[in-house]
N, C-alpha and C. Protein backbone atom coordinates (compact mmCIF):
# COMPACT_ATOMS: atom_id res chain seq x y z
N MET A 1 -46.45 118.32 56.62
CA MET A 1 -47.56 118.50 55.74
C MET A 1 -48.82 117.95 56.39
N LYS A 2 -49.91 118.70 56.27
CA LYS A 2 -51.18 118.28 56.86
C LYS A 2 -51.90 117.34 55.90
N SER A 3 -52.56 116.36 56.48
CA SER A 3 -53.41 115.53 55.61
C SER A 3 -54.77 116.19 55.52
N LEU A 4 -55.25 116.31 54.31
CA LEU A 4 -56.53 116.98 54.08
C LEU A 4 -57.67 115.98 54.24
N LYS A 5 -58.70 116.44 54.93
CA LYS A 5 -59.87 115.59 55.09
C LYS A 5 -60.96 116.11 54.16
N GLY A 6 -61.76 115.20 53.66
CA GLY A 6 -62.84 115.60 52.76
C GLY A 6 -62.56 115.13 51.35
N PHE A 7 -63.44 115.54 50.45
CA PHE A 7 -63.34 115.14 49.05
C PHE A 7 -62.58 116.18 48.25
N THR A 8 -61.88 115.69 47.28
CA THR A 8 -61.23 116.62 46.36
C THR A 8 -62.25 117.01 45.28
N LEU A 9 -61.91 118.01 44.52
CA LEU A 9 -62.81 118.47 43.46
C LEU A 9 -63.08 117.35 42.45
N CYS A 10 -62.08 116.58 42.13
CA CYS A 10 -62.22 115.49 41.16
C CYS A 10 -63.18 114.42 41.68
N GLU A 11 -63.06 114.06 42.95
CA GLU A 11 -63.96 113.07 43.54
C GLU A 11 -65.39 113.56 43.55
N CYS A 12 -65.58 114.85 43.86
CA CYS A 12 -66.93 115.43 43.87
C CYS A 12 -67.56 115.40 42.48
N LEU A 13 -66.77 115.71 41.46
CA LEU A 13 -67.29 115.68 40.10
C LEU A 13 -67.66 114.27 39.66
N ILE A 14 -66.85 113.30 40.03
CA ILE A 14 -67.15 111.90 39.70
C ILE A 14 -68.44 111.46 40.39
N ALA A 15 -68.60 111.80 41.66
CA ALA A 15 -69.82 111.46 42.39
C ALA A 15 -71.04 112.14 41.76
N LEU A 16 -70.88 113.37 41.34
CA LEU A 16 -71.97 114.12 40.70
C LEU A 16 -72.36 113.48 39.37
N VAL A 17 -71.39 113.06 38.57
CA VAL A 17 -71.66 112.41 37.29
C VAL A 17 -72.38 111.07 37.51
N ILE A 18 -71.92 110.29 38.47
CA ILE A 18 -72.55 109.00 38.76
C ILE A 18 -73.99 109.19 39.24
N THR A 19 -74.20 110.14 40.14
CA THR A 19 -75.55 110.42 40.64
C THR A 19 -76.46 110.91 39.52
N SER A 20 -75.95 111.79 38.69
CA SER A 20 -76.74 112.31 37.56
C SER A 20 -77.10 111.19 36.59
N GLY A 21 -76.16 110.31 36.32
CA GLY A 21 -76.42 109.17 35.44
C GLY A 21 -77.49 108.26 36.00
N PHE A 22 -77.42 107.99 37.30
CA PHE A 22 -78.42 107.15 37.95
C PHE A 22 -79.81 107.78 37.87
N ILE A 23 -79.89 109.07 38.16
CA ILE A 23 -81.18 109.78 38.11
C ILE A 23 -81.73 109.77 36.68
N LEU A 24 -80.87 109.94 35.70
CA LEU A 24 -81.29 109.93 34.30
C LEU A 24 -81.84 108.56 33.90
N ILE A 25 -81.18 107.49 34.34
CA ILE A 25 -81.65 106.13 34.04
C ILE A 25 -83.01 105.87 34.68
N VAL A 26 -83.18 106.27 35.94
CA VAL A 26 -84.46 106.09 36.63
C VAL A 26 -85.56 106.88 35.92
N GLN A 27 -85.28 108.12 35.54
CA GLN A 27 -86.27 108.95 34.85
C GLN A 27 -86.65 108.32 33.51
N LEU A 28 -85.67 107.82 32.79
CA LEU A 28 -85.93 107.18 31.50
C LEU A 28 -86.81 105.94 31.68
N GLY A 29 -86.54 105.16 32.72
CA GLY A 29 -87.35 103.98 33.01
C GLY A 29 -88.79 104.34 33.33
N ILE A 30 -88.98 105.36 34.15
CA ILE A 30 -90.33 105.79 34.53
C ILE A 30 -91.08 106.31 33.30
N THR A 31 -90.42 107.10 32.48
CA THR A 31 -91.05 107.63 31.26
C THR A 31 -91.46 106.50 30.33
N THR A 32 -90.61 105.51 30.17
CA THR A 32 -90.92 104.37 29.31
C THR A 32 -92.12 103.61 29.84
N MET A 33 -92.18 103.38 31.14
CA MET A 33 -93.33 102.67 31.73
C MET A 33 -94.61 103.46 31.53
N GLN A 34 -94.56 104.78 31.69
CA GLN A 34 -95.75 105.60 31.49
C GLN A 34 -96.21 105.53 30.04
N GLN A 35 -95.29 105.55 29.10
CA GLN A 35 -95.65 105.46 27.68
C GLN A 35 -96.28 104.11 27.36
N GLN A 36 -95.74 103.03 27.93
CA GLN A 36 -96.31 101.71 27.69
C GLN A 36 -97.70 101.61 28.29
N THR A 37 -97.90 102.16 29.49
CA THR A 37 -99.21 102.13 30.13
C THR A 37 -100.21 102.91 29.30
N PHE A 38 -99.84 104.09 28.85
CA PHE A 38 -100.73 104.90 28.03
C PHE A 38 -101.03 104.21 26.71
N SER A 39 -100.01 103.59 26.11
CA SER A 39 -100.20 102.88 24.85
C SER A 39 -101.16 101.71 25.02
N THR A 40 -101.04 100.95 26.10
CA THR A 40 -101.94 99.84 26.38
C THR A 40 -103.36 100.34 26.58
N TYR A 41 -103.51 101.42 27.34
CA TYR A 41 -104.84 101.99 27.59
C TYR A 41 -105.47 102.47 26.29
N ARG A 42 -104.69 103.14 25.45
CA ARG A 42 -105.22 103.64 24.18
C ARG A 42 -105.60 102.48 23.27
N GLN A 43 -104.79 101.43 23.25
CA GLN A 43 -105.10 100.25 22.44
C GLN A 43 -106.39 99.60 22.93
N ASP A 44 -106.57 99.53 24.24
CA ASP A 44 -107.81 98.98 24.80
C ASP A 44 -109.02 99.82 24.40
N GLN A 45 -108.86 101.13 24.40
CA GLN A 45 -109.96 102.01 23.98
C GLN A 45 -110.33 101.77 22.52
N LEU A 46 -109.33 101.63 21.67
CA LEU A 46 -109.59 101.36 20.25
C LEU A 46 -110.28 100.01 20.07
N ASN A 47 -109.83 99.00 20.81
CA ASN A 47 -110.47 97.69 20.74
C ASN A 47 -111.92 97.76 21.20
N TRP A 48 -112.18 98.54 22.25
CA TRP A 48 -113.55 98.70 22.75
C TRP A 48 -114.42 99.39 21.69
N GLU A 49 -113.88 100.39 21.04
CA GLU A 49 -114.64 101.09 20.00
C GLU A 49 -114.93 100.16 18.82
N ARG A 50 -113.97 99.31 18.45
CA ARG A 50 -114.21 98.32 17.39
C ARG A 50 -115.28 97.33 17.80
N PHE A 51 -115.21 96.89 19.05
CA PHE A 51 -116.21 95.96 19.59
C PHE A 51 -117.60 96.58 19.53
N THR A 52 -117.71 97.84 19.96
CA THR A 52 -118.99 98.55 19.94
C THR A 52 -119.50 98.69 18.51
N ALA A 53 -118.62 99.02 17.59
CA ALA A 53 -119.02 99.17 16.19
C ALA A 53 -119.50 97.84 15.60
N THR A 54 -118.88 96.74 16.00
CA THR A 54 -119.30 95.43 15.50
C THR A 54 -120.69 95.09 16.00
N LEU A 55 -120.95 95.32 17.28
CA LEU A 55 -122.26 94.97 17.84
C LEU A 55 -123.38 95.90 17.38
N THR A 56 -123.09 97.16 17.22
CA THR A 56 -124.15 98.12 16.93
C THR A 56 -124.17 98.57 15.47
N GLY A 57 -123.21 98.12 14.68
CA GLY A 57 -123.10 98.59 13.30
C GLY A 57 -124.09 97.93 12.35
N ASP A 58 -124.12 98.45 11.14
CA ASP A 58 -125.04 97.97 10.11
C ASP A 58 -124.56 96.69 9.42
N ASN A 59 -123.29 96.32 9.61
CA ASN A 59 -122.78 95.11 8.96
C ASN A 59 -123.53 93.86 9.41
N LEU A 60 -123.91 93.80 10.66
CA LEU A 60 -124.69 92.67 11.18
C LEU A 60 -126.12 93.09 11.53
N ALA A 61 -126.33 94.33 11.91
CA ALA A 61 -127.65 94.85 12.31
C ALA A 61 -128.31 93.90 13.32
N LEU A 62 -127.60 93.59 14.39
CA LEU A 62 -128.05 92.58 15.35
C LEU A 62 -129.35 92.97 16.04
N GLN A 63 -130.17 91.94 16.27
CA GLN A 63 -131.44 92.10 16.96
C GLN A 63 -131.48 91.11 18.12
N PHE A 64 -132.14 91.50 19.19
CA PHE A 64 -132.22 90.67 20.39
C PHE A 64 -133.25 89.56 20.18
N VAL A 65 -132.88 88.32 20.53
CA VAL A 65 -133.80 87.18 20.46
C VAL A 65 -134.16 86.73 21.87
N SER A 66 -133.16 86.34 22.67
CA SER A 66 -133.43 85.88 24.03
C SER A 66 -132.13 85.87 24.84
N GLN A 67 -132.32 85.69 26.14
CA GLN A 67 -131.15 85.57 27.02
C GLN A 67 -131.49 84.60 28.13
N ASP A 68 -130.91 83.41 28.06
CA ASP A 68 -131.00 82.46 29.16
C ASP A 68 -129.64 82.47 29.84
N LYS A 69 -128.80 81.50 29.48
CA LYS A 69 -127.43 81.53 29.97
C LYS A 69 -126.56 82.41 29.07
N GLN A 70 -126.89 82.43 27.80
CA GLN A 70 -126.14 83.23 26.82
C GLN A 70 -127.10 84.20 26.13
N LEU A 71 -126.55 85.27 25.64
CA LEU A 71 -127.32 86.26 24.88
C LEU A 71 -127.40 85.79 23.43
N ILE A 72 -128.63 85.61 22.93
CA ILE A 72 -128.83 85.16 21.56
C ILE A 72 -129.30 86.35 20.72
N LEU A 73 -128.59 86.57 19.63
CA LEU A 73 -128.87 87.69 18.73
C LEU A 73 -129.13 87.15 17.32
N TYR A 74 -129.87 87.91 16.54
CA TYR A 74 -130.16 87.52 15.15
C TYR A 74 -129.72 88.65 14.22
N SER A 75 -129.13 88.26 13.10
CA SER A 75 -128.72 89.24 12.10
C SER A 75 -129.56 89.05 10.84
N PRO A 76 -130.42 90.03 10.51
CA PRO A 76 -131.19 89.92 9.28
C PRO A 76 -130.30 90.04 8.03
N VAL A 77 -129.12 90.60 8.20
CA VAL A 77 -128.19 90.74 7.07
C VAL A 77 -127.66 89.37 6.65
N THR A 78 -127.20 88.58 7.62
CA THR A 78 -126.65 87.25 7.33
C THR A 78 -127.70 86.15 7.48
N LYS A 79 -128.85 86.50 8.06
CA LYS A 79 -129.94 85.55 8.32
C LYS A 79 -129.46 84.39 9.20
N LYS A 80 -128.68 84.73 10.23
CA LYS A 80 -128.16 83.73 11.16
C LYS A 80 -128.32 84.23 12.59
N LYS A 81 -128.36 83.26 13.51
CA LYS A 81 -128.38 83.58 14.94
C LYS A 81 -126.96 83.49 15.48
N TYR A 82 -126.68 84.34 16.45
CA TYR A 82 -125.37 84.38 17.09
C TYR A 82 -125.54 84.40 18.60
N GLN A 83 -124.51 83.95 19.29
CA GLN A 83 -124.47 84.04 20.74
C GLN A 83 -123.30 84.93 21.14
N LEU A 84 -123.55 85.84 22.06
CA LEU A 84 -122.48 86.67 22.62
C LEU A 84 -122.04 85.98 23.91
N ILE A 85 -120.80 85.54 23.94
CA ILE A 85 -120.31 84.71 25.05
C ILE A 85 -119.07 85.34 25.66
N TYR A 86 -119.05 85.35 27.00
CA TYR A 86 -117.84 85.74 27.72
C TYR A 86 -117.19 84.48 28.27
N ASP A 87 -115.98 84.19 27.83
CA ASP A 87 -115.22 83.03 28.29
C ASP A 87 -114.19 83.53 29.30
N SER A 88 -114.49 83.33 30.59
CA SER A 88 -113.61 83.86 31.64
C SER A 88 -112.27 83.13 31.68
N GLY A 89 -112.25 81.86 31.28
CA GLY A 89 -111.00 81.11 31.27
C GLY A 89 -110.00 81.67 30.27
N GLU A 90 -110.49 82.03 29.10
CA GLU A 90 -109.63 82.60 28.07
C GLU A 90 -109.61 84.12 28.11
N GLN A 91 -110.41 84.71 29.00
CA GLN A 91 -110.57 86.17 29.10
C GLN A 91 -110.91 86.74 27.72
N LEU A 92 -111.97 86.18 27.13
CA LEU A 92 -112.33 86.48 25.76
C LEU A 92 -113.83 86.72 25.65
N LEU A 93 -114.20 87.77 24.96
CA LEU A 93 -115.60 88.05 24.63
C LEU A 93 -115.74 87.75 23.15
N LYS A 94 -116.65 86.81 22.80
CA LYS A 94 -116.72 86.36 21.42
C LYS A 94 -118.16 86.22 20.95
N LEU A 95 -118.33 86.27 19.66
CA LEU A 95 -119.61 86.10 19.00
C LEU A 95 -119.53 84.78 18.25
N THR A 96 -120.38 83.81 18.62
CA THR A 96 -120.34 82.50 17.99
C THR A 96 -121.53 82.32 17.08
N GLY A 97 -121.34 81.54 16.03
CA GLY A 97 -122.42 81.21 15.11
C GLY A 97 -123.25 80.07 15.66
N GLU A 98 -124.36 79.77 14.97
CA GLU A 98 -125.25 78.70 15.42
C GLU A 98 -124.57 77.34 15.38
N SER A 99 -123.90 77.06 14.29
CA SER A 99 -123.35 75.72 14.14
C SER A 99 -121.87 75.63 14.50
N SER A 100 -121.07 76.55 14.00
CA SER A 100 -119.64 76.47 14.30
C SER A 100 -118.99 77.82 14.08
N GLY A 101 -117.77 77.91 14.55
CA GLY A 101 -116.97 79.11 14.37
C GLY A 101 -117.31 80.21 15.36
N TYR A 102 -116.38 81.12 15.51
CA TYR A 102 -116.63 82.26 16.38
C TYR A 102 -115.77 83.43 15.95
N LEU A 103 -116.21 84.62 16.32
CA LEU A 103 -115.50 85.85 16.04
C LEU A 103 -115.03 86.43 17.37
N PRO A 104 -113.72 86.44 17.63
CA PRO A 104 -113.24 87.05 18.88
C PRO A 104 -113.44 88.57 18.80
N LEU A 105 -114.12 89.12 19.80
CA LEU A 105 -114.41 90.55 19.80
C LEU A 105 -113.47 91.33 20.71
N LEU A 106 -113.20 90.81 21.89
CA LEU A 106 -112.32 91.49 22.85
C LEU A 106 -111.45 90.47 23.56
N TYR A 107 -110.18 90.77 23.66
CA TYR A 107 -109.24 89.92 24.38
C TYR A 107 -108.92 90.54 25.74
N GLN A 108 -108.39 89.72 26.64
CA GLN A 108 -107.92 90.13 27.97
C GLN A 108 -109.01 90.85 28.77
N VAL A 109 -110.22 90.31 28.70
CA VAL A 109 -111.35 90.86 29.46
C VAL A 109 -111.33 90.18 30.83
N GLU A 110 -111.03 90.95 31.86
CA GLU A 110 -110.89 90.39 33.20
C GLU A 110 -112.25 90.08 33.82
N ALA A 111 -113.25 90.89 33.53
CA ALA A 111 -114.60 90.67 34.05
C ALA A 111 -115.59 91.23 33.05
N CYS A 112 -116.77 90.60 32.98
CA CYS A 112 -117.77 91.07 32.02
C CYS A 112 -119.16 90.71 32.52
N LYS A 113 -120.09 91.64 32.38
CA LYS A 113 -121.49 91.40 32.73
C LYS A 113 -122.34 91.85 31.56
N ILE A 114 -123.16 90.93 31.05
CA ILE A 114 -124.03 91.22 29.91
C ILE A 114 -125.47 91.07 30.37
N SER A 115 -126.28 92.08 30.09
CA SER A 115 -127.69 91.99 30.45
C SER A 115 -128.53 92.76 29.43
N VAL A 116 -129.80 92.36 29.34
CA VAL A 116 -130.75 93.05 28.47
C VAL A 116 -131.98 93.35 29.30
N LYS A 117 -132.41 94.61 29.24
CA LYS A 117 -133.61 95.01 29.97
C LYS A 117 -134.37 96.01 29.12
N ASP A 118 -135.63 95.72 28.86
CA ASP A 118 -136.51 96.59 28.07
C ASP A 118 -135.90 96.93 26.71
N GLY A 119 -135.26 95.96 26.09
CA GLY A 119 -134.70 96.17 24.76
C GLY A 119 -133.33 96.82 24.74
N TYR A 120 -132.80 97.17 25.90
CA TYR A 120 -131.49 97.82 25.96
C TYR A 120 -130.42 96.82 26.39
N LEU A 121 -129.40 96.71 25.58
CA LEU A 121 -128.27 95.84 25.87
C LEU A 121 -127.27 96.61 26.72
N SER A 122 -126.86 96.00 27.82
CA SER A 122 -125.88 96.62 28.70
C SER A 122 -124.70 95.66 28.87
N ILE A 123 -123.52 96.13 28.52
CA ILE A 123 -122.31 95.33 28.69
C ILE A 123 -121.33 96.14 29.52
N LYS A 124 -120.89 95.55 30.61
CA LYS A 124 -119.90 96.18 31.47
C LYS A 124 -118.69 95.25 31.50
N ALA A 125 -117.55 95.78 31.10
CA ALA A 125 -116.34 94.96 31.01
C ALA A 125 -115.18 95.66 31.70
N GLU A 126 -114.24 94.85 32.15
CA GLU A 126 -113.02 95.38 32.75
C GLU A 126 -111.83 94.80 31.99
N ILE A 127 -111.02 95.71 31.44
CA ILE A 127 -109.84 95.32 30.67
C ILE A 127 -108.65 96.08 31.22
N HIS A 128 -107.64 95.35 31.65
CA HIS A 128 -106.43 95.95 32.25
C HIS A 128 -106.79 96.95 33.35
N LYS A 129 -107.69 96.56 34.22
CA LYS A 129 -108.10 97.35 35.39
C LYS A 129 -108.88 98.63 35.03
N HIS A 130 -109.29 98.79 33.77
CA HIS A 130 -110.13 99.92 33.36
C HIS A 130 -111.53 99.40 33.04
N LYS A 131 -112.53 100.15 33.44
CA LYS A 131 -113.91 99.74 33.22
C LYS A 131 -114.47 100.40 31.96
N TYR A 132 -115.22 99.60 31.19
CA TYR A 132 -115.86 100.07 29.97
C TYR A 132 -117.34 99.70 30.02
N ASP A 133 -118.20 100.59 29.52
CA ASP A 133 -119.64 100.36 29.52
C ASP A 133 -120.19 100.58 28.12
N LEU A 134 -121.15 99.72 27.76
CA LEU A 134 -121.90 99.89 26.51
C LEU A 134 -123.37 99.75 26.85
N ASP A 135 -124.14 100.74 26.50
CA ASP A 135 -125.60 100.69 26.64
C ASP A 135 -126.17 101.09 25.29
N CYS A 136 -126.90 100.16 24.67
CA CYS A 136 -127.49 100.48 23.36
C CYS A 136 -128.81 99.75 23.21
N TYR A 137 -129.63 100.28 22.33
CA TYR A 137 -130.94 99.68 22.06
C TYR A 137 -130.78 98.63 20.97
N LEU A 138 -131.39 97.45 21.21
CA LEU A 138 -131.42 96.41 20.20
C LEU A 138 -132.89 96.10 19.88
N PRO A 139 -133.27 96.13 18.62
CA PRO A 139 -134.64 95.73 18.28
C PRO A 139 -134.87 94.29 18.71
N THR A 140 -136.06 93.98 19.13
CA THR A 140 -136.39 92.63 19.61
C THR A 140 -137.20 91.90 18.55
N ILE A 141 -136.84 90.63 18.32
CA ILE A 141 -137.63 89.79 17.43
C ILE A 141 -138.04 88.54 18.19
N GLU A 142 -139.04 87.87 17.71
CA GLU A 142 -139.48 86.62 18.33
C GLU A 142 -138.61 85.49 17.81
N GLY A 143 -138.12 84.68 18.75
CA GLY A 143 -137.13 83.72 18.44
C GLY A 143 -137.45 82.47 17.79
């Protein structure tokens, strides 16, 4: 009797099932990672839109006062001054009151640049490696 060399049909089917299972697991992992990345990006976009609505909305109706080290804004609605502060240590963009307390506006901000020129507020931020820009007009009042 000759000894047969090569794989039998049963061995080939087992190898095919194992390979297919491995490919399926890898594909499932990649799909899950893509969904998580998209979900994070979409959540960041929603947070940015909320942030923009807070700064430019009628609830505070913020007006520009001055900018030395921090941007100082005034709200005629609440009759209070606020500071827009980027805390790089906490990766947080927040709005603080004159005396105490603060409102966290954006979390996980990796980089942020705030400037005012000719009455236009410009905020450039980076969140999870994506760049976001806000350019809006703020009425100016004397401080």
